[in-house]
Amino acid sequence: MDSKQTVLEAIIEEVATDLYNKWSSALPLEERNDVAFQAMSKNAQETTLFVIQTFMNKFNAAADELKDK
């Protein structure tokens, strides 16, 4: 982890890398090329960020709801 990188940023980067690796290993050999790998890398970053943000929003909303009870 870079000293300027937050823990959350490091987690997002690690999860995105894992997702990219999963997708790229599942790609048929004849479809593997630089363009496909670049697109998967970008999509893995965007998907990971979306999923983590959505999870955090739902988690915080549920915590607020429980706190109000």
Protein backbone atom coordinates (compact mmCIF):
# COMPACT_ATOMS: atom_id res chain seq x y z
CA MET A 1 0.00 0.00 0.00
CA ASP A 2 1.32 3.45 -0.97
CA SER A 3 1.80 5.73 2.06
CA LYS A 4 -0.59 8.29 0.50
CA GLN A 5 -3.23 5.66 -0.26
CA THR A 6 -6.11 5.15 2.16
CA VAL A 7 -7.07 1.72 3.43
CA LEU A 8 -10.31 1.90 1.43
CA GLU A 9 -8.41 2.83 -1.76
CA ALA A 10 -6.05 -0.10 -1.21
CA ILE A 11 -8.99 -2.47 -0.74
CA ILE A 12 -10.70 -1.17 -3.89
CA GLU A 13 -7.49 -1.63 -5.87
CA GLU A 14 -6.99 -5.17 -4.58
CA VAL A 15 -10.59 -6.21 -5.25
CA ALA A 16 -10.48 -4.67 -8.73
CA THR A 17 -7.29 -6.60 -9.48
CA ASP A 18 -8.88 -9.84 -8.28
CA LEU A 19 -11.96 -9.17 -10.42
CA TYR A 20 -9.79 -8.40 -13.46
CA ASN A 21 -7.83 -11.62 -12.93
CA LYS A 22 -11.05 -13.62 -12.67
CA TRP A 23 -12.45 -12.09 -15.86
CA SER A 24 -9.23 -12.33 -17.86
CA SER A 25 -8.66 -15.98 -16.97
CA ALA A 26 -12.22 -16.80 -18.08
CA LEU A 27 -11.76 -15.09 -21.45
CA PRO A 28 -11.35 -17.58 -24.31
CA LEU A 29 -7.82 -17.68 -25.69
CA GLU A 30 -8.87 -16.43 -29.13
CA GLU A 31 -10.42 -13.28 -27.57
CA ARG A 32 -7.38 -12.32 -25.49
CA ASN A 33 -5.76 -9.14 -26.76
CA ASP A 34 -4.60 -5.77 -25.44
CA VAL A 35 -7.90 -4.05 -26.22
CA ALA A 36 -9.90 -6.68 -24.32
CA PHE A 37 -7.52 -6.58 -21.36
CA GLN A 38 -7.62 -2.77 -21.20
CA ALA A 39 -11.42 -2.78 -21.31
CA MET A 40 -11.61 -5.44 -18.59
CA SER A 41 -9.21 -3.49 -16.40
CA LYS A 42 -11.27 -0.32 -16.69
CA ASN A 43 -14.52 -2.22 -16.14
CA ALA A 44 -13.10 -4.04 -13.12
CA GLN A 45 -12.13 -0.71 -11.51
CA GLU A 46 -15.52 0.88 -12.23
CA THR A 47 -17.49 -2.19 -11.15
CA THR A 48 -15.53 -2.57 -7.92
CA LEU A 49 -15.99 1.09 -7.03
CA PHE A 50 -19.73 0.90 -7.81
CA VAL A 51 -20.25 -2.26 -5.73
CA ILE A 52 -18.30 -0.98 -2.73
CA GLN A 53 -20.01 2.43 -2.82
CA THR A 54 -23.44 0.80 -3.10
CA PHE A 55 -22.63 -1.57 -0.24
CA MET A 56 -21.39 1.26 1.97
CA ASN A 57 -24.49 3.36 1.24
CA LYS A 58 -26.84 0.48 2.06
CA PHE A 59 -24.84 -0.49 5.14
CA ASN A 60 -24.86 3.08 6.47
CA ALA A 61 -28.59 3.44 5.75
CA ALA A 62 -29.32 0.23 7.64
CA ALA A 63 -27.13 1.37 10.55
CA ASP A 64 -28.97 4.71 10.68
CA GLU A 65 -32.30 2.93 10.65
CA LEU A 66 -31.24 0.68 13.52
CA LYS A 67 -29.87 3.66 15.43
CA ASP A 68 -33.27 5.41 15.16
CA LYS A 69 -35.09 2.47 16.75
